[in-house]
Full PDB file with SEQRES, HELIX, SHEET, SSBOND, CRYST1, ORIGX, SCALE, CONECT and MASTER records, all heavy atoms in Angstrom:
SEQRES   1 A   34  LEU SER VAL ARG ASP GLU GLY ILE GLY ILE PRO HIS GLU          
SEQRES   2 A   34  ASP GLN PRO ARG VAL PHE GLU ARG PHE VAL ARG ALA VAL          
SEQRES   3 A   34  SER GLU ARG ASN TYR GLY GLY LEU                              
HELIX    1 AA1 HIS A   12  ARG A   17  5                                   6    
HELIX    2 AA2 ARG A   29  TYR A   31  5                                   3    
CRYST1    1.000    1.000    1.000  90.00  90.00  90.00 P 1           1          
ORIGX1      1.000000  0.000000  0.000000        0.00000                         
ORIGX2      0.000000  1.000000  0.000000        0.00000                         
ORIGX3      0.000000  0.000000  1.000000        0.00000                         
SCALE1      1.000000  0.000000  0.000000        0.00000                         
SCALE2      0.000000  1.000000  0.000000        0.00000                         
SCALE3      0.000000  0.000000  1.000000        0.00000                         
ATOM      1  N   LEU A   1       0.826  -1.219   0.009  1.00  0.00           N  
ATOM      2  CA  LEU A   1      -0.008  -0.041   0.041  1.00  0.00           C  
ATOM      3  C   LEU A   1       0.924   1.189   0.007  1.00  0.00           C  
ATOM      4  O   LEU A   1       1.875   1.336   0.782  1.00  0.00           O  
ATOM      5  CB  LEU A   1      -0.889   0.007   1.243  1.00  0.00           C  
ATOM      6  CG  LEU A   1      -1.842   1.254   1.316  1.00  0.00           C  
ATOM      7  CD1 LEU A   1      -3.226   0.884   1.923  1.00  0.00           C  
ATOM      8  CD2 LEU A   1      -1.184   2.370   2.254  1.00  0.00           C  
ATOM      9  N   SER A   2       0.639   2.197  -0.954  1.00  0.00           N  
ATOM     10  CA  SER A   2       1.405   3.373  -0.954  1.00  0.00           C  
ATOM     11  C   SER A   2       0.445   4.661  -0.883  1.00  0.00           C  
ATOM     12  O   SER A   2      -0.586   4.537  -1.508  1.00  0.00           O  
ATOM     13  CB  SER A   2       2.276   3.493  -2.216  1.00  0.00           C  
ATOM     14  OG  SER A   2       1.498   3.402  -3.377  1.00  0.00           O  
ATOM     15  N   VAL A   3       0.914   5.733  -0.306  1.00  0.00           N  
ATOM     16  CA  VAL A   3       0.247   6.835  -0.169  1.00  0.00           C  
ATOM     17  C   VAL A   3       1.216   8.005  -0.664  1.00  0.00           C  
ATOM     18  O   VAL A   3       2.170   8.196  -0.036  1.00  0.00           O  
ATOM     19  CB  VAL A   3      -0.284   7.158   1.294  1.00  0.00           C  
ATOM     20  CG1 VAL A   3      -1.022   8.596   1.271  1.00  0.00           C  
ATOM     21  CG2 VAL A   3      -1.141   6.067   1.800  1.00  0.00           C  
ATOM     22  N   ARG A   4       0.729   8.650  -1.839  1.00  0.00           N  
ATOM     23  CA  ARG A   4       1.694   9.650  -2.418  1.00  0.00           C  
ATOM     24  C   ARG A   4       0.989  10.959  -2.417  1.00  0.00           C  
ATOM     25  O   ARG A   4      -0.168  11.057  -2.868  1.00  0.00           O  
ATOM     26  CB  ARG A   4       2.084   9.283  -3.794  1.00  0.00           C  
ATOM     27  CG  ARG A   4       2.956  10.253  -4.559  1.00  0.00           C  
ATOM     28  CD  ARG A   4       3.556   9.675  -5.745  1.00  0.00           C  
ATOM     29  NE  ARG A   4       2.419   9.474  -6.796  1.00  0.00           N  
ATOM     30  CZ  ARG A   4       1.880  10.221  -7.641  1.00  0.00           C  
ATOM     31  NH1 ARG A   4       2.342  11.529  -7.686  1.00  0.00           N  
ATOM     32  NH2 ARG A   4       0.983   9.794  -8.531  1.00  0.00           N  
ATOM     33  N   ASP A   5       1.682  12.032  -1.931  1.00  0.00           N  
ATOM     34  CA  ASP A   5       1.125  13.372  -1.954  1.00  0.00           C  
ATOM     35  C   ASP A   5       2.008  14.182  -2.882  1.00  0.00           C  
ATOM     36  O   ASP A   5       3.109  13.794  -3.239  1.00  0.00           O  
ATOM     37  CB  ASP A   5       0.895  13.989  -0.592  1.00  0.00           C  
ATOM     38  CG  ASP A   5       2.201  14.179   0.091  1.00  0.00           C  
ATOM     39  OD1 ASP A   5       3.016  15.125  -0.335  1.00  0.00           O  
ATOM     40  OD2 ASP A   5       2.526  13.463   1.098  1.00  0.00           O  
ATOM     41  N   GLU A   6       1.629  15.404  -3.156  1.00  0.00           N  
ATOM     42  CA  GLU A   6       2.374  16.251  -4.025  1.00  0.00           C  
ATOM     43  C   GLU A   6       2.592  17.662  -3.273  1.00  0.00           C  
ATOM     44  O   GLU A   6       2.642  18.750  -3.758  1.00  0.00           O  
ATOM     45  CB  GLU A   6       1.660  16.599  -5.337  1.00  0.00           C  
ATOM     46  CG  GLU A   6       1.431  15.312  -6.146  1.00  0.00           C  
ATOM     47  CD  GLU A   6       0.616  15.562  -7.454  1.00  0.00           C  
ATOM     48  OE1 GLU A   6       0.585  16.704  -7.850  1.00  0.00           O  
ATOM     49  OE2 GLU A   6       0.187  14.604  -8.022  1.00  0.00           O  
ATOM     50  N   GLY A   7       2.824  17.505  -1.914  1.00  0.00           N  
ATOM     51  CA  GLY A   7       3.022  18.560  -1.087  1.00  0.00           C  
ATOM     52  C   GLY A   7       4.340  19.126  -0.891  1.00  0.00           C  
ATOM     53  O   GLY A   7       5.231  19.056  -1.794  1.00  0.00           O  
ATOM     54  N   ILE A   8       4.718  19.506   0.321  1.00  0.00           N  
ATOM     55  CA  ILE A   8       5.982  20.255   0.576  1.00  0.00           C  
ATOM     56  C   ILE A   8       7.156  19.233   0.643  1.00  0.00           C  
ATOM     57  O   ILE A   8       8.349  19.666   0.558  1.00  0.00           O  
ATOM     58  CB  ILE A   8       5.975  20.983   1.877  1.00  0.00           C  
ATOM     59  CG1 ILE A   8       5.653  20.102   3.100  1.00  0.00           C  
ATOM     60  CG2 ILE A   8       4.859  22.075   1.848  1.00  0.00           C  
ATOM     61  CD1 ILE A   8       5.641  20.753   4.419  1.00  0.00           C  
ATOM     62  N   GLY A   9       6.941  18.027   0.771  1.00  0.00           N  
ATOM     63  CA  GLY A   9       8.013  17.022   0.836  1.00  0.00           C  
ATOM     64  C   GLY A   9       8.764  17.019   2.172  1.00  0.00           C  
ATOM     65  O   GLY A   9       8.376  17.826   2.992  1.00  0.00           O  
ATOM     66  N   ILE A  10       9.832  16.125   2.219  1.00  0.00           N  
ATOM     67  CA  ILE A  10      10.703  16.045   3.408  1.00  0.00           C  
ATOM     68  C   ILE A  10      12.094  16.416   3.100  1.00  0.00           C  
ATOM     69  O   ILE A  10      12.567  15.890   2.138  1.00  0.00           O  
ATOM     70  CB  ILE A  10      10.489  14.692   4.037  1.00  0.00           C  
ATOM     71  CG1 ILE A  10       9.094  14.335   4.268  1.00  0.00           C  
ATOM     72  CG2 ILE A  10      11.331  14.628   5.361  1.00  0.00           C  
ATOM     73  CD1 ILE A  10       8.842  12.923   4.637  1.00  0.00           C  
ATOM     74  N   PRO A  11      12.756  17.222   3.869  1.00  0.00           N  
ATOM     75  CA  PRO A  11      14.126  17.535   3.526  1.00  0.00           C  
ATOM     76  C   PRO A  11      15.049  16.266   3.551  1.00  0.00           C  
ATOM     77  O   PRO A  11      14.759  15.368   4.321  1.00  0.00           O  
ATOM     78  CB  PRO A  11      14.587  18.445   4.652  1.00  0.00           C  
ATOM     79  CG  PRO A  11      13.228  19.098   5.191  1.00  0.00           C  
ATOM     80  CD  PRO A  11      12.238  18.155   4.862  1.00  0.00           C  
ATOM     81  N   HIS A  12      15.952  16.227   2.691  1.00  0.00           N  
ATOM     82  CA  HIS A  12      16.775  15.028   2.574  1.00  0.00           C  
ATOM     83  C   HIS A  12      17.433  14.632   3.885  1.00  0.00           C  
ATOM     84  O   HIS A  12      17.472  13.460   4.297  1.00  0.00           O  
ATOM     85  CB  HIS A  12      17.899  15.238   1.497  1.00  0.00           C  
ATOM     86  CG  HIS A  12      17.367  15.310   0.023  1.00  0.00           C  
ATOM     87  ND1 HIS A  12      16.653  14.292  -0.551  1.00  0.00           N  
ATOM     88  CD2 HIS A  12      17.367  16.352  -0.783  1.00  0.00           C  
ATOM     89  CE1 HIS A  12      16.281  14.582  -1.804  1.00  0.00           C  
ATOM     90  NE2 HIS A  12      16.745  15.878  -1.912  1.00  0.00           N  
ATOM     91  N   GLU A  13      17.895  15.623   4.562  1.00  0.00           N  
ATOM     92  CA  GLU A  13      18.626  15.294   5.832  1.00  0.00           C  
ATOM     93  C   GLU A  13      17.668  14.719   6.979  1.00  0.00           C  
ATOM     94  O   GLU A  13      18.103  14.111   7.918  1.00  0.00           O  
ATOM     95  CB  GLU A  13      19.362  16.584   6.364  1.00  0.00           C  
ATOM     96  CG  GLU A  13      18.454  17.695   6.789  1.00  0.00           C  
ATOM     97  CD  GLU A  13      18.207  18.568   5.563  1.00  0.00           C  
ATOM     98  OE1 GLU A  13      18.376  18.175   4.384  1.00  0.00           O  
ATOM     99  OE2 GLU A  13      17.779  19.786   5.824  1.00  0.00           O  
ATOM    100  N   ASP A  14      16.417  15.054   6.769  1.00  0.00           N  
ATOM    101  CA  ASP A  14      15.355  14.552   7.751  1.00  0.00           C  
ATOM    102  C   ASP A  14      14.834  13.250   7.552  1.00  0.00           C  
ATOM    103  O   ASP A  14      14.232  12.518   8.382  1.00  0.00           O  
ATOM    104  CB  ASP A  14      14.251  15.546   7.954  1.00  0.00           C  
ATOM    105  CG  ASP A  14      14.688  16.915   8.658  1.00  0.00           C  
ATOM    106  OD1 ASP A  14      15.731  16.772   9.294  1.00  0.00           O  
ATOM    107  OD2 ASP A  14      14.110  17.908   8.421  1.00  0.00           O  
ATOM    108  N   GLN A  15      14.960  12.690   6.247  1.00  0.00           N  
ATOM    109  CA  GLN A  15      14.222  11.423   5.834  1.00  0.00           C  
ATOM    110  C   GLN A  15      14.778  10.217   6.665  1.00  0.00           C  
ATOM    111  O   GLN A  15      13.978   9.393   6.894  1.00  0.00           O  
ATOM    112  CB  GLN A  15      14.408  11.168   4.355  1.00  0.00           C  
ATOM    113  CG  GLN A  15      13.661  12.283   3.515  1.00  0.00           C  
ATOM    114  CD  GLN A  15      13.824  12.041   2.079  1.00  0.00           C  
ATOM    115  OE1 GLN A  15      14.055  10.891   1.515  1.00  0.00           O  
ATOM    116  NE2 GLN A  15      13.749  13.148   1.266  1.00  0.00           N  
ATOM    117  N   PRO A  16      16.111  10.167   6.909  1.00  0.00           N  
ATOM    118  CA  PRO A  16      16.473   8.982   7.746  1.00  0.00           C  
ATOM    119  C   PRO A  16      15.934   8.873   9.121  1.00  0.00           C  
ATOM    120  O   PRO A  16      15.850   7.809   9.771  1.00  0.00           O  
ATOM    121  CB  PRO A  16      18.074   9.077   7.818  1.00  0.00           C  
ATOM    122  CG  PRO A  16      18.444   9.898   6.591  1.00  0.00           C  
ATOM    123  CD  PRO A  16      17.268  10.978   6.444  1.00  0.00           C  
ATOM    124  N   ARG A  17      15.458  10.030   9.619  1.00  0.00           N  
ATOM    125  CA  ARG A  17      14.968  10.041  11.039  1.00  0.00           C  
ATOM    126  C   ARG A  17      13.493  10.131  11.108  1.00  0.00           C  
ATOM    127  O   ARG A  17      12.878  10.300  12.330  1.00  0.00           O  
ATOM    128  CB  ARG A  17      15.575  11.174  11.781  1.00  0.00           C  
ATOM    129  CG  ARG A  17      17.103  11.206  11.815  1.00  0.00           C  
ATOM    130  CD  ARG A  17      17.735  12.476  12.548  1.00  0.00           C  
ATOM    131  NE  ARG A  17      17.195  12.535  13.876  1.00  0.00           N  
ATOM    132  CZ  ARG A  17      16.441  13.520  14.335  1.00  0.00           C  
ATOM    133  NH1 ARG A  17      16.040  14.507  13.516  1.00  0.00           N  
ATOM    134  NH2 ARG A  17      15.960  13.568  15.625  1.00  0.00           N  
ATOM    135  N   VAL A  18      12.716  10.095   9.994  1.00  0.00           N  
ATOM    136  CA  VAL A  18      11.279  10.404  10.064  1.00  0.00           C  
ATOM    137  C   VAL A  18      10.571   9.397  10.846  1.00  0.00           C  
ATOM    138  O   VAL A  18       9.474   9.780  11.264  1.00  0.00           O  
ATOM    139  CB  VAL A  18      10.865  10.559   8.584  1.00  0.00           C  
ATOM    140  CG1 VAL A  18      10.751   9.194   7.830  1.00  0.00           C  
ATOM    141  CG2 VAL A  18       9.575  11.396   8.512  1.00  0.00           C  
ATOM    142  N   PHE A  19      11.020   8.192  10.958  1.00  0.00           N  
ATOM    143  CA  PHE A  19      10.301   7.146  11.700  1.00  0.00           C  
ATOM    144  C   PHE A  19      10.720   7.082  13.100  1.00  0.00           C  
ATOM    145  O   PHE A  19      10.300   6.252  13.888  1.00  0.00           O  
ATOM    146  CB  PHE A  19      10.485   5.837  11.009  1.00  0.00           C  
ATOM    147  CG  PHE A  19       9.807   5.683   9.737  1.00  0.00           C  
ATOM    148  CD1 PHE A  19      10.498   5.682   8.533  1.00  0.00           C  
ATOM    149  CD2 PHE A  19       8.382   5.569   9.582  1.00  0.00           C  
ATOM    150  CE1 PHE A  19       9.919   5.631   7.368  1.00  0.00           C  
ATOM    151  CE2 PHE A  19       7.784   5.545   8.320  1.00  0.00           C  
ATOM    152  CZ  PHE A  19       8.603   5.534   7.174  1.00  0.00           C  
ATOM    153  N   GLU A  20      11.584   8.004  13.604  1.00  0.00           N  
ATOM    154  CA  GLU A  20      11.949   7.991  15.033  1.00  0.00           C  
ATOM    155  C   GLU A  20      10.890   8.597  15.834  1.00  0.00           C  
ATOM    156  O   GLU A  20      10.190   9.452  15.364  1.00  0.00           O  
ATOM    157  CB  GLU A  20      13.315   8.709  15.137  1.00  0.00           C  
ATOM    158  CG  GLU A  20      14.414   7.969  14.506  1.00  0.00           C  
ATOM    159  CD  GLU A  20      15.849   8.805  14.642  1.00  0.00           C  
ATOM    160  OE1 GLU A  20      15.852   9.685  15.518  1.00  0.00           O  
ATOM    161  OE2 GLU A  20      16.801   8.417  13.949  1.00  0.00           O  
ATOM    162  N   ARG A  21      10.817   8.269  17.072  1.00  0.00           N  
ATOM    163  CA  ARG A  21       9.825   8.893  18.020  1.00  0.00           C  
ATOM    164  C   ARG A  21      10.173  10.440  18.242  1.00  0.00           C  
ATOM    165  O   ARG A  21      11.395  10.689  18.269  1.00  0.00           O  
ATOM    166  CB  ARG A  21       9.720   8.059  19.285  1.00  0.00           C  
ATOM    167  CG  ARG A  21      10.856   8.318  20.278  1.00  0.00           C  
ATOM    168  CD  ARG A  21      10.739   7.351  21.495  1.00  0.00           C  
ATOM    169  NE  ARG A  21      11.061   6.041  21.280  1.00  0.00           N  
ATOM    170  CZ  ARG A  21      10.848   5.114  22.029  1.00  0.00           C  
ATOM    171  NH1 ARG A  21      10.175   5.257  23.175  1.00  0.00           N  
ATOM    172  NH2 ARG A  21      11.281   3.837  21.785  1.00  0.00           N  
ATOM    173  N   PHE A  22       9.214  11.142  18.437  1.00  0.00           N  
ATOM    174  CA  PHE A  22       9.247  12.587  18.708  1.00  0.00           C  
ATOM    175  C   PHE A  22       9.856  13.400  17.551  1.00  0.00           C  
ATOM    176  O   PHE A  22      10.225  14.511  17.657  1.00  0.00           O  
ATOM    177  CB  PHE A  22      10.123  12.894  20.058  1.00  0.00           C  
ATOM    178  CG  PHE A  22       9.798  12.082  21.133  1.00  0.00           C  
ATOM    179  CD1 PHE A  22      10.759  11.533  21.921  1.00  0.00           C  
ATOM    180  CD2 PHE A  22       8.409  11.785  21.482  1.00  0.00           C  
ATOM    181  CE1 PHE A  22      10.355  10.711  23.109  1.00  0.00           C  
ATOM    182  CE2 PHE A  22       8.060  10.969  22.512  1.00  0.00           C  
ATOM    183  CZ  PHE A  22       9.081  10.388  23.305  1.00  0.00           C  
ATOM    184  N   VAL A  23      10.033  12.743  16.390  1.00  0.00           N  
ATOM    185  CA  VAL A  23      10.427  13.493  15.155  1.00  0.00           C  
ATOM    186  C   VAL A  23       9.319  13.663  14.199  1.00  0.00           C  
ATOM    187  O   VAL A  23       8.568  12.794  13.803  1.00  0.00           O  
ATOM    188  CB  VAL A  23      11.502  12.656  14.411  1.00  0.00           C  
ATOM    189  CG1 VAL A  23      11.931  13.316  13.095  1.00  0.00           C  
ATOM    190  CG2 VAL A  23      12.774  12.447  15.307  1.00  0.00           C  
ATOM    191  N   ARG A  24       9.022  14.876  13.909  1.00  0.00           N  
ATOM    192  CA  ARG A  24       7.940  15.305  12.966  1.00  0.00           C  
ATOM    193  C   ARG A  24       8.442  15.457  11.567  1.00  0.00           C  
ATOM    194  O   ARG A  24       9.630  15.962  11.372  1.00  0.00           O  
ATOM    195  CB  ARG A  24       7.313  16.544  13.445  1.00  0.00           C  
ATOM    196  CG  ARG A  24       6.538  16.414  14.717  1.00  0.00           C  
ATOM    197  CD  ARG A  24       5.887  17.699  15.189  1.00  0.00           C  
ATOM    198  NE  ARG A  24       6.922  18.631  15.655  1.00  0.00           N  
ATOM    199  CZ  ARG A  24       6.700  19.893  16.031  1.00  0.00           C  
ATOM    200  NH1 ARG A  24       5.412  20.441  15.805  1.00  0.00           N  
ATOM    201  NH2 ARG A  24       7.621  20.662  16.482  1.00  0.00           N  
ATOM    202  N   ALA A  25       7.716  15.034  10.590  1.00  0.00           N  
ATOM    203  CA  ALA A  25       8.166  15.044   9.211  1.00  0.00           C  
ATOM    204  C   ALA A  25       8.564  16.527   8.851  1.00  0.00           C  
ATOM    205  O   ALA A  25       9.596  16.707   8.163  1.00  0.00           O  
ATOM    206  CB  ALA A  25       7.022  14.618   8.209  1.00  0.00           C  
ATOM    207  N   VAL A  26       7.806  17.500   9.380  1.00  0.00           N  
ATOM    208  CA  VAL A  26       8.214  18.918   9.150  1.00  0.00           C  
ATOM    209  C   VAL A  26       8.112  19.540  10.518  1.00  0.00           C  
ATOM    210  O   VAL A  26       7.103  19.457  11.236  1.00  0.00           O  
ATOM    211  CB  VAL A  26       7.190  19.658   8.246  1.00  0.00           C  
ATOM    212  CG1 VAL A  26       7.561  21.145   8.100  1.00  0.00           C  
ATOM    213  CG2 VAL A  26       7.298  19.017   6.890  1.00  0.00           C  
ATOM    214  N   SER A  27       9.259  20.200  10.927  1.00  0.00           N  
ATOM    215  CA  SER A  27       9.301  20.643  12.329  1.00  0.00           C  
ATOM    216  C   SER A  27       8.573  21.861  12.678  1.00  0.00           C  
ATOM    217  O   SER A  27       8.516  22.262  13.848  1.00  0.00           O  
ATOM    218  CB  SER A  27      10.728  20.748  12.678  1.00  0.00           C  
ATOM    219  OG  SER A  27      11.409  21.701  11.870  1.00  0.00           O  
ATOM    220  N   GLU A  28       8.073  22.677  11.724  1.00  0.00           N  
ATOM    221  CA  GLU A  28       7.481  23.864  12.017  1.00  0.00           C  
ATOM    222  C   GLU A  28       6.235  23.667  12.968  1.00  0.00           C  
ATOM    223  O   GLU A  28       5.398  22.709  12.738  1.00  0.00           O  
ATOM    224  CB  GLU A  28       6.929  24.575  10.750  1.00  0.00           C  
ATOM    225  CG  GLU A  28       8.070  25.203  10.037  1.00  0.00           C  
ATOM    226  CD  GLU A  28       8.842  24.337   9.072  1.00  0.00           C  
ATOM    227  OE1 GLU A  28       8.501  23.148   9.104  1.00  0.00           O  
ATOM    228  OE2 GLU A  28       9.673  24.685   8.335  1.00  0.00           O  
ATOM    229  N   ARG A  29       6.102  24.483  13.954  1.00  0.00           N  
ATOM    230  CA  ARG A  29       5.093  24.315  14.971  1.00  0.00           C  
ATOM    231  C   ARG A  29       3.657  24.374  14.370  1.00  0.00           C  
ATOM    232  O   ARG A  29       2.729  23.794  14.787  1.00  0.00           O  
ATOM    233  CB  ARG A  29       5.178  25.408  15.993  1.00  0.00           C  
ATOM    234  CG  ARG A  29       4.175  25.339  17.089  1.00  0.00           C  
ATOM    235  CD  ARG A  29       4.200  24.050  17.998  1.00  0.00           C  
ATOM    236  NE  ARG A  29       5.444  23.998  18.672  1.00  0.00           N  
ATOM    237  CZ  ARG A  29       5.644  24.561  19.879  1.00  0.00           C  
ATOM    238  NH1 ARG A  29       4.691  25.260  20.497  1.00  0.00           N  
ATOM    239  NH2 ARG A  29       6.829  24.398  20.463  1.00  0.00           N  
ATOM    240  N   ASN A  30       3.416  25.146  13.225  1.00  0.00           N  
ATOM    241  CA  ASN A  30       2.103  25.318  12.741  1.00  0.00           C  
ATOM    242  C   ASN A  30       1.563  24.123  12.059  1.00  0.00           C  
ATOM    243  O   ASN A  30       0.254  23.989  11.814  1.00  0.00           O  
ATOM    244  CB  ASN A  30       2.032  26.507  11.614  1.00  0.00           C  
ATOM    245  CG  ASN A  30       3.030  26.275  10.448  1.00  0.00           C  
ATOM    246  OD1 ASN A  30       4.170  25.832  10.737  1.00  0.00           O  
ATOM    247  ND2 ASN A  30       2.570  26.358   9.244  1.00  0.00           N  
ATOM    248  N   TYR A  31       2.381  23.049  11.816  1.00  0.00           N  
ATOM    249  CA  TYR A  31       1.760  21.785  11.427  1.00  0.00           C  
ATOM    250  C   TYR A  31       1.307  20.847  12.528  1.00  0.00           C  
ATOM    251  O   TYR A  31       0.632  19.918  12.281  1.00  0.00           O  
ATOM    252  CB  TYR A  31       2.895  21.083  10.506  1.00  0.00           C  
ATOM    253  CG  TYR A  31       2.975  21.657   9.097  1.00  0.00           C  
ATOM    254  CD1 TYR A  31       4.012  22.470   8.939  1.00  0.00           C  
ATOM    255  CD2 TYR A  31       2.075  21.331   8.166  1.00  0.00           C  
ATOM    256  CE1 TYR A  31       4.110  22.968   7.520  1.00  0.00           C  
ATOM    257  CE2 TYR A  31       2.160  21.840   6.889  1.00  0.00           C  
ATOM    258  CZ  TYR A  31       3.152  22.689   6.610  1.00  0.00           C  
ATOM    259  OH  TYR A  31       3.278  23.189   5.231  1.00  0.00           O  
ATOM    260  N   GLY A  32       1.780  21.182  13.693  1.00  0.00           N  
ATOM    261  CA  GLY A  32       1.304  20.366  14.872  1.00  0.00           C  
ATOM    262  C   GLY A  32       1.800  18.964  14.910  1.00  0.00           C  
ATOM    263  O   GLY A  32       2.489  18.551  14.052  1.00  0.00           O  
ATOM    264  N   GLY A  33       1.202  18.283  15.945  1.00  0.00           N  
ATOM    265  CA  GLY A  33       1.637  16.847  16.104  1.00  0.00           C  
ATOM    266  C   GLY A  33       2.611  16.527  17.095  1.00  0.00           C  
ATOM    267  O   GLY A  33       3.531  17.454  17.400  1.00  0.00           O  
ATOM    268  N   LEU A  34       2.626  15.335  17.659  1.00  0.00           N  
ATOM    269  CA  LEU A  34       3.568  14.997  18.735  1.00  0.00           C  
ATOM    270  C   LEU A  34       4.974  14.386  18.118  1.00  0.00           C  
ATOM    271  O   LEU A  34       5.834  14.121  18.871  1.00  0.00           O  
ATOM    272  CB  LEU A  34       2.988  13.942  19.622  1.00  0.00           C  
ATOM    273  CG  LEU A  34       1.838  14.565  20.562  1.00  0.00           C  
ATOM    274  CD1 LEU A  34       1.235  13.351  21.407  1.00  0.00           C  
ATOM    275  CD2 LEU A  34       2.355  15.607  21.420  1.00  0.00           C  
TER     276      LEU A  34                                                      
MASTER        0    0    0    2    0    0    0    6  275    1    0    3          
END                                                                             
């Protein structure tokens, strides 16, 4: 199953850590999330 969007994407340097706890795909506060 794949889910593809055409949005802002994820910076290359953040992609290896995107599945770690407390790491948000985009760190800006206005996107929210834990």
